[in-house]
Amino acid sequence: MNDTEVKIPGTAAPEAVPAEAGNDRENMRDRRSMRGGREGRGPRRGREGRERSEFDSVTIDVRRVARVMAGGRRFNFSVAIVIGDKKGRVGVGLGKAADTALAIEKATRDAKKHMITVKRTQNNSIPHDVSAKYASSTVAIMPSEGRGLVAGSAMRTVLELAGVSDVITKILSRTKNKLTIARATVAALEKLNR
């Protein structure tokens, strides 16, 4: 074919594209910043005023629950959280709200309200055997020198955040409910203080 232009009736001539407006990354970045992209702005809003919490937190259970109203179902979220500083303080909290972020915030406040201090030995174990029951969950915790943390389910999370190691644990009930297992573990650790 020739370099000559073929004009099709009913169509407009193509517009001339300037040489500097290619597809290179720099021009795309400039165009993005004109549209209000992330480049050229400071840190994201909302995070600049927050300081790091002294507690680590782990979400152990998130459930979407529904209640039936006249117009249909209304959905909420139920969140269970364990918080601790790995130095002997631990708490379990439950929060319910229409969205997960608000439910997590409520659960964290609840966990801080119900925080306990665990009595530990010098090697971060516990002084003696202890067991507890909460609702349908029954748990047992036994000290075991040099074994590390032998635990499963929500018990492991609670004991890690409490800073307890060198223990063997056993869930003596058949329930799989993580919230009641976590609360039974906290109840067992609380018995050490008595």
C-alpha atoms as a PDB file:
ATOM      1  CA  MET A   1       0.000   0.000   0.000  1.00  0.00           C
ATOM      2  CA  ASN A   2       0.992   3.579  -0.543  1.00  0.00           C
ATOM      3  CA  ASP A   3       1.482   6.257   2.072  1.00  0.00           C
ATOM      4  CA  THR A   4      -1.399   8.145   0.575  1.00  0.00           C
ATOM      5  CA  GLU A   5      -4.445   8.786   2.713  1.00  0.00           C
ATOM      6  CA  VAL A   6      -7.720   7.189   1.718  1.00  0.00           C
ATOM      7  CA  LYS A   7     -10.763   9.297   2.623  1.00  0.00           C
ATOM      8  CA  ILE A   8     -13.929   7.376   3.419  1.00  0.00           C
ATOM      9  CA  PRO A   9     -17.069   9.434   2.871  1.00  0.00           C
ATOM     10  CA  GLY A  10     -18.969  10.344   6.105  1.00  0.00           C
ATOM     11  CA  THR A  11     -15.950  10.101   8.458  1.00  0.00           C
ATOM     12  CA  ALA A  12     -13.910  12.882  10.002  1.00  0.00           C
ATOM     13  CA  ALA A  13     -10.171  13.146   9.606  1.00  0.00           C
ATOM     14  CA  PRO A  14      -8.166  11.726  12.559  1.00  0.00           C
ATOM     15  CA  GLU A  15      -6.852  14.327  15.037  1.00  0.00           C
ATOM     16  CA  ALA A  16      -3.155  14.903  15.251  1.00  0.00           C
ATOM     17  CA  VAL A  17      -1.550  13.470  18.380  1.00  0.00           C
ATOM     18  CA  PRO A  18       1.346  15.490  19.841  1.00  0.00           C
ATOM     19  CA  ALA A  19       4.682  13.666  19.954  1.00  0.00           C
ATOM     20  CA  GLU A  20       5.068  13.927  23.755  1.00  0.00           C
ATOM     21  CA  ALA A  21       1.627  12.364  24.505  1.00  0.00           C
ATOM     22  CA  GLY A  22       2.691   8.744  24.012  1.00  0.00           C
ATOM     23  CA  ASN A  23       1.965   5.812  26.312  1.00  0.00           C
ATOM     24  CA  ASP A  24       5.091   6.210  28.414  1.00  0.00           C
ATOM     25  CA  ARG A  25       4.719   5.900  32.201  1.00  0.00           C
ATOM     26  CA  GLU A  26       5.625   9.480  33.074  1.00  0.00           C
ATOM     27  CA  ASN A  27       2.812  10.988  31.020  1.00  0.00           C
ATOM     28  CA  MET A  28       0.334   8.492  32.466  1.00  0.00           C
ATOM     29  CA  ARG A  29       1.460   9.464  35.983  1.00  0.00           C
ATOM     30  CA  ASP A  30       0.917  13.148  35.152  1.00  0.00           C
ATOM     31  CA  ARG A  31      -2.560  12.458  33.794  1.00  0.00           C
ATOM     32  CA  ARG A  32      -3.406  10.339  36.865  1.00  0.00           C
ATOM     33  CA  SER A  33      -2.349  13.096  39.257  1.00  0.00           C
ATOM     34  CA  MET A  34      -4.556  15.568  37.372  1.00  0.00           C
ATOM     35  CA  ARG A  35      -7.514  13.223  37.874  1.00  0.00           C
ATOM     36  CA  GLY A  36      -6.893  13.024  41.623  1.00  0.00           C
ATOM     37  CA  GLY A  37      -4.743   9.861  41.752  1.00  0.00           C
ATOM     38  CA  ARG A  38      -2.601   8.834  44.759  1.00  0.00           C
ATOM     39  CA  GLU A  39       0.660  10.405  43.478  1.00  0.00           C
ATOM     40  CA  GLY A  40       1.760  13.664  44.993  1.00  0.00           C
ATOM     41  CA  ARG A  41      -0.406  13.445  48.118  1.00  0.00           C
ATOM     42  CA  GLY A  42       0.606  12.796  51.688  1.00  0.00           C
ATOM     43  CA  PRO A  43      -0.280   9.761  53.814  1.00  0.00           C
ATOM     44  CA  ARG A  44      -3.780   8.331  53.673  1.00  0.00           C
ATOM     45  CA  ARG A  45      -6.294  10.104  55.870  1.00  0.00           C
ATOM     46  CA  GLY A  46      -7.358   8.303  59.005  1.00  0.00           C
ATOM     47  CA  ARG A  47      -4.011   6.642  59.685  1.00  0.00           C
ATOM     48  CA  GLU A  48      -1.937   9.719  60.452  1.00  0.00           C
ATOM     49  CA  GLY A  49      -3.506  10.376  63.897  1.00  0.00           C
ATOM     50  CA  ARG A  50      -3.419   6.782  65.096  1.00  0.00           C
ATOM     51  CA  GLU A  51      -0.602   5.451  67.231  1.00  0.00           C
ATOM     52  CA  ARG A  52       0.331   1.782  67.486  1.00  0.00           C
ATOM     53  CA  SER A  53      -1.628  -0.125  70.144  1.00  0.00           C
ATOM     54  CA  GLU A  54       0.221  -1.803  73.002  1.00  0.00           C
ATOM     55  CA  PHE A  55      -1.833  -4.974  72.412  1.00  0.00           C
ATOM     56  CA  ASP A  56      -1.687  -7.478  69.570  1.00  0.00           C
ATOM     57  CA  SER A  57      -5.101  -8.673  68.405  1.00  0.00           C
ATOM     58  CA  VAL A  58      -6.287 -11.767  66.541  1.00  0.00           C
ATOM     59  CA  THR A  59      -9.774 -12.227  65.125  1.00  0.00           C
ATOM     60  CA  ILE A  60     -10.843 -15.778  65.945  1.00  0.00           C
ATOM     61  CA  ASP A  61     -14.380 -15.773  64.545  1.00  0.00           C
ATOM     62  CA  VAL A  62     -16.483 -13.645  62.172  1.00  0.00           C
ATOM     63  CA  ARG A  63     -20.120 -14.624  61.626  1.00  0.00           C
ATOM     64  CA  ARG A  64     -22.836 -13.011  59.544  1.00  0.00           C
ATOM     65  CA  VAL A  65     -26.082 -13.256  61.459  1.00  0.00           C
ATOM     66  CA  ALA A  66     -29.567 -12.424  60.200  1.00  0.00           C
ATOM     67  CA  ARG A  67     -32.823 -11.473  61.854  1.00  0.00           C
ATOM     68  CA  VAL A  68     -36.103 -11.611  59.981  1.00  0.00           C
ATOM     69  CA  MET A  69     -38.037  -8.338  59.862  1.00  0.00           C
ATOM     70  CA  ALA A  70     -41.267  -7.381  58.115  1.00  0.00           C
ATOM     71  CA  GLY A  71     -39.409  -6.204  54.977  1.00  0.00           C
ATOM     72  CA  GLY A  72     -37.039  -9.193  54.827  1.00  0.00           C
ATOM     73  CA  ARG A  73     -33.772 -10.177  56.486  1.00  0.00           C
ATOM     74  CA  ARG A  74     -31.465  -7.732  58.243  1.00  0.00           C
ATOM     75  CA  PHE A  75     -27.805  -8.793  58.350  1.00  0.00           C
ATOM     76  CA  ASN A  76     -25.295  -8.015  61.112  1.00  0.00           C
ATOM     77  CA  PHE A  77     -21.760  -9.189  61.852  1.00  0.00           C
ATOM     78  CA  SER A  78     -20.614 -10.864  65.046  1.00  0.00           C
ATOM     79  CA  VAL A  79     -16.840 -10.723  65.627  1.00  0.00           C
ATOM     80  CA  ALA A  80     -14.816 -12.471  68.376  1.00  0.00           C
ATOM     81  CA  ILE A  81     -11.346 -11.063  69.114  1.00  0.00           C
ATOM     82  CA  VAL A  82      -8.479 -12.016  71.434  1.00  0.00           C
ATOM     83  CA  ILE A  83      -6.057  -9.261  72.485  1.00  0.00           C
ATOM     84  CA  GLY A  84      -2.880  -9.526  74.545  1.00  0.00           C
ATOM     85  CA  ASP A  85       0.546  -7.999  75.124  1.00  0.00           C
ATOM     86  CA  LYS A  86       2.485 -11.325  75.273  1.00  0.00           C
ATOM     87  CA  LYS A  87       3.644 -10.301  78.756  1.00  0.00           C
ATOM     88  CA  GLY A  88       0.843 -11.832  80.832  1.00  0.00           C
ATOM     89  CA  ARG A  89      -2.228  -9.763  79.949  1.00  0.00           C
ATOM     90  CA  VAL A  90      -4.976 -11.222  77.725  1.00  0.00           C
ATOM     91  CA  GLY A  91      -8.679 -10.659  77.031  1.00  0.00           C
ATOM     92  CA  VAL A  92     -11.477 -12.046  74.840  1.00  0.00           C
ATOM     93  CA  GLY A  93     -14.184  -9.766  73.444  1.00  0.00           C
ATOM     94  CA  LEU A  94     -17.310  -9.990  71.303  1.00  0.00           C
ATOM     95  CA  GLY A  95     -18.690  -7.201  69.111  1.00  0.00           C
ATOM     96  CA  LYS A  96     -21.810  -7.014  66.947  1.00  0.00           C
ATOM     97  CA  ALA A  97     -22.570  -4.340  64.337  1.00  0.00           C
ATOM     98  CA  ALA A  98     -23.922  -3.723  60.837  1.00  0.00           C
ATOM     99  CA  ASP A  99     -20.411  -3.652  59.322  1.00  0.00           C
ATOM    100  CA  THR A 100     -17.250  -5.577  60.213  1.00  0.00           C
ATOM    101  CA  ALA A 101     -15.040  -2.550  61.006  1.00  0.00           C
ATOM    102  CA  LEU A 102     -17.455  -1.310  63.681  1.00  0.00           C
ATOM    103  CA  ALA A 103     -17.899  -4.850  65.043  1.00  0.00           C
ATOM    104  CA  ILE A 104     -14.101  -5.264  65.353  1.00  0.00           C
ATOM    105  CA  GLU A 105     -13.839  -1.921  67.182  1.00  0.00           C
ATOM    106  CA  LYS A 106     -16.593  -2.963  69.630  1.00  0.00           C
ATOM    107  CA  ALA A 107     -14.988  -6.387  70.164  1.00  0.00           C
ATOM    108  CA  THR A 108     -11.614  -4.752  70.925  1.00  0.00           C
ATOM    109  CA  ARG A 109     -13.223  -2.447  73.511  1.00  0.00           C
ATOM    110  CA  ASP A 110     -15.001  -5.447  75.077  1.00  0.00           C
ATOM    111  CA  ALA A 111     -11.751  -7.451  75.208  1.00  0.00           C
ATOM    112  CA  LYS A 112      -9.924  -4.572  76.945  1.00  0.00           C
ATOM    113  CA  LYS A 113     -12.752  -4.348  79.473  1.00  0.00           C
ATOM    114  CA  HIS A 114     -12.494  -8.087  80.310  1.00  0.00           C
ATOM    115  CA  MET A 115      -8.685  -8.317  80.383  1.00  0.00           C
ATOM    116  CA  ILE A 116      -6.926 -10.489  82.973  1.00  0.00           C
ATOM    117  CA  THR A 117      -3.315 -10.796  84.140  1.00  0.00           C
ATOM    118  CA  VAL A 118      -1.908 -14.335  84.041  1.00  0.00           C
ATOM    119  CA  LYS A 119       0.357 -15.646  86.799  1.00  0.00           C
ATOM    120  CA  ARG A 120       3.402 -17.162  85.042  1.00  0.00           C
ATOM    121  CA  THR A 121       6.633 -18.827  86.149  1.00  0.00           C
ATOM    122  CA  GLN A 122      10.120 -17.516  85.250  1.00  0.00           C
ATOM    123  CA  ASN A 123      10.221 -19.618  82.051  1.00  0.00           C
ATOM    124  CA  ASN A 124       6.750 -18.336  80.945  1.00  0.00           C
ATOM    125  CA  SER A 125       4.931 -21.537  81.932  1.00  0.00           C
ATOM    126  CA  ILE A 126       2.154 -21.865  84.532  1.00  0.00           C
ATOM    127  CA  PRO A 127       2.707 -22.943  88.172  1.00  0.00           C
ATOM    128  CA  HIS A 128       0.298 -25.928  88.235  1.00  0.00           C
ATOM    129  CA  ASP A 129      -2.387 -27.889  86.329  1.00  0.00           C
ATOM    130  CA  VAL A 130      -5.650 -26.052  85.826  1.00  0.00           C
ATOM    131  CA  SER A 131      -8.971 -26.763  84.089  1.00  0.00           C
ATOM    132  CA  ALA A 132     -12.160 -24.775  83.535  1.00  0.00           C
ATOM    133  CA  LYS A 133     -15.590 -24.973  81.941  1.00  0.00           C
ATOM    134  CA  TYR A 134     -17.397 -22.202  80.088  1.00  0.00           C
ATOM    135  CA  ALA A 135     -20.798 -22.957  78.487  1.00  0.00           C
ATOM    136  CA  SER A 136     -20.243 -26.225  76.575  1.00  0.00           C
ATOM    137  CA  SER A 137     -16.419 -25.991  76.475  1.00  0.00           C
ATOM    138  CA  THR A 138     -14.144 -27.715  78.972  1.00  0.00           C
ATOM    139  CA  VAL A 139     -10.370 -27.189  78.768  1.00  0.00           C
ATOM    140  CA  ALA A 140      -7.298 -28.361  80.694  1.00  0.00           C
ATOM    141  CA  ILE A 141      -3.833 -26.740  80.790  1.00  0.00           C
ATOM    142  CA  MET A 142      -0.794 -28.566  82.209  1.00  0.00           C
ATOM    143  CA  PRO A 143       2.774 -27.225  82.617  1.00  0.00           C
ATOM    144  CA  SER A 144       5.424 -29.150  80.654  1.00  0.00           C
ATOM    145  CA  GLU A 145       9.044 -28.047  80.900  1.00  0.00           C
ATOM    146  CA  GLY A 146      10.813 -27.576  77.562  1.00  0.00           C
ATOM    147  CA  ARG A 147       7.923 -28.753  75.337  1.00  0.00           C
ATOM    148  CA  GLY A 148       6.929 -25.319  74.021  1.00  0.00           C
ATOM    149  CA  LEU A 149       3.287 -24.444  73.406  1.00  0.00           C
ATOM    150  CA  VAL A 150       1.279 -27.581  72.556  1.00  0.00           C
ATOM    151  CA  ALA A 151      -2.224 -26.265  71.856  1.00  0.00           C
ATOM    152  CA  GLY A 152      -4.782 -26.004  69.108  1.00  0.00           C
ATOM    153  CA  SER A 153      -7.846 -24.032  68.045  1.00  0.00           C
ATOM    154  CA  ALA A 154      -8.556 -20.796  69.933  1.00  0.00           C
ATOM    155  CA  MET A 155      -6.583 -22.037  72.967  1.00  0.00           C
ATOM    156  CA  ARG A 156      -3.321 -21.544  71.079  1.00  0.00           C
ATOM    157  CA  THR A 157      -4.252 -17.955  70.177  1.00  0.00           C
ATOM    158  CA  VAL A 158      -5.158 -17.060  73.778  1.00  0.00           C
ATOM    159  CA  LEU A 159      -2.006 -18.639  75.247  1.00  0.00           C
ATOM    160  CA  GLU A 160       0.297 -17.046  72.619  1.00  0.00           C
ATOM    161  CA  LEU A 161      -1.141 -13.571  73.244  1.00  0.00           C
ATOM    162  CA  ALA A 162      -0.872 -14.137  77.018  1.00  0.00           C
ATOM    163  CA  GLY A 163       2.827 -14.993  76.606  1.00  0.00           C
ATOM    164  CA  VAL A 164       2.446 -18.515  78.028  1.00  0.00           C
ATOM    165  CA  SER A 165       4.722 -21.287  76.714  1.00  0.00           C
ATOM    166  CA  ASP A 166       5.899 -24.733  77.888  1.00  0.00           C
ATOM    167  CA  VAL A 167       2.354 -26.034  78.451  1.00  0.00           C
ATOM    168  CA  ILE A 168       0.268 -28.915  77.116  1.00  0.00           C
ATOM    169  CA  THR A 169      -3.440 -28.274  76.594  1.00  0.00           C
ATOM    170  CA  LYS A 170      -6.481 -30.424  76.011  1.00  0.00           C
ATOM    171  CA  ILE A 171     -10.016 -29.552  74.906  1.00  0.00           C
ATOM    172  CA  LEU A 172     -12.134 -32.081  76.805  1.00  0.00           C
ATOM    173  CA  SER A 173     -15.475 -31.299  75.136  1.00  0.00           C
ATOM    174  CA  ARG A 174     -16.681 -31.979  71.611  1.00  0.00           C
ATOM    175  CA  THR A 175     -17.618 -28.400  70.812  1.00  0.00           C
ATOM    176  CA  LYS A 176     -15.897 -26.536  67.957  1.00  0.00           C
ATOM    177  CA  ASN A 177     -17.134 -23.101  69.105  1.00  0.00           C
ATOM    178  CA  LYS A 178     -13.999 -20.915  69.158  1.00  0.00           C
ATOM    179  CA  LEU A 179     -15.506 -18.189  71.328  1.00  0.00           C
ATOM    180  CA  THR A 180     -16.465 -20.539  74.178  1.00  0.00           C
ATOM    181  CA  ILE A 181     -13.103 -22.358  73.927  1.00  0.00           C
ATOM    182  CA  ALA A 182     -11.277 -19.008  74.197  1.00  0.00           C
ATOM    183  CA  ARG A 183     -13.410 -17.913  77.157  1.00  0.00           C
ATOM    184  CA  ALA A 184     -12.880 -21.278  78.902  1.00  0.00           C
ATOM    185  CA  THR A 185      -9.108 -20.831  78.435  1.00  0.00           C
ATOM    186  CA  VAL A 186      -9.263 -17.358  79.983  1.00  0.00           C
ATOM    187  CA  ALA A 187     -11.343 -18.768  82.875  1.00  0.00           C
ATOM    188  CA  ALA A 188      -8.676 -21.471  83.433  1.00  0.00           C
ATOM    189  CA  LEU A 189      -5.851 -18.905  83.413  1.00  0.00           C
ATOM    190  CA  GLU A 190      -7.808 -16.735  85.852  1.00  0.00           C
ATOM    191  CA  LYS A 191      -7.902 -19.636  88.329  1.00  0.00           C
ATOM    192  CA  LEU A 192      -4.095 -19.387  88.627  1.00  0.00           C
ATOM    193  CA  ASN A 193      -4.471 -16.011  90.367  1.00  0.00           C
ATOM    194  CA  ARG A 194      -6.650 -17.394  93.154  1.00  0.00           C
END
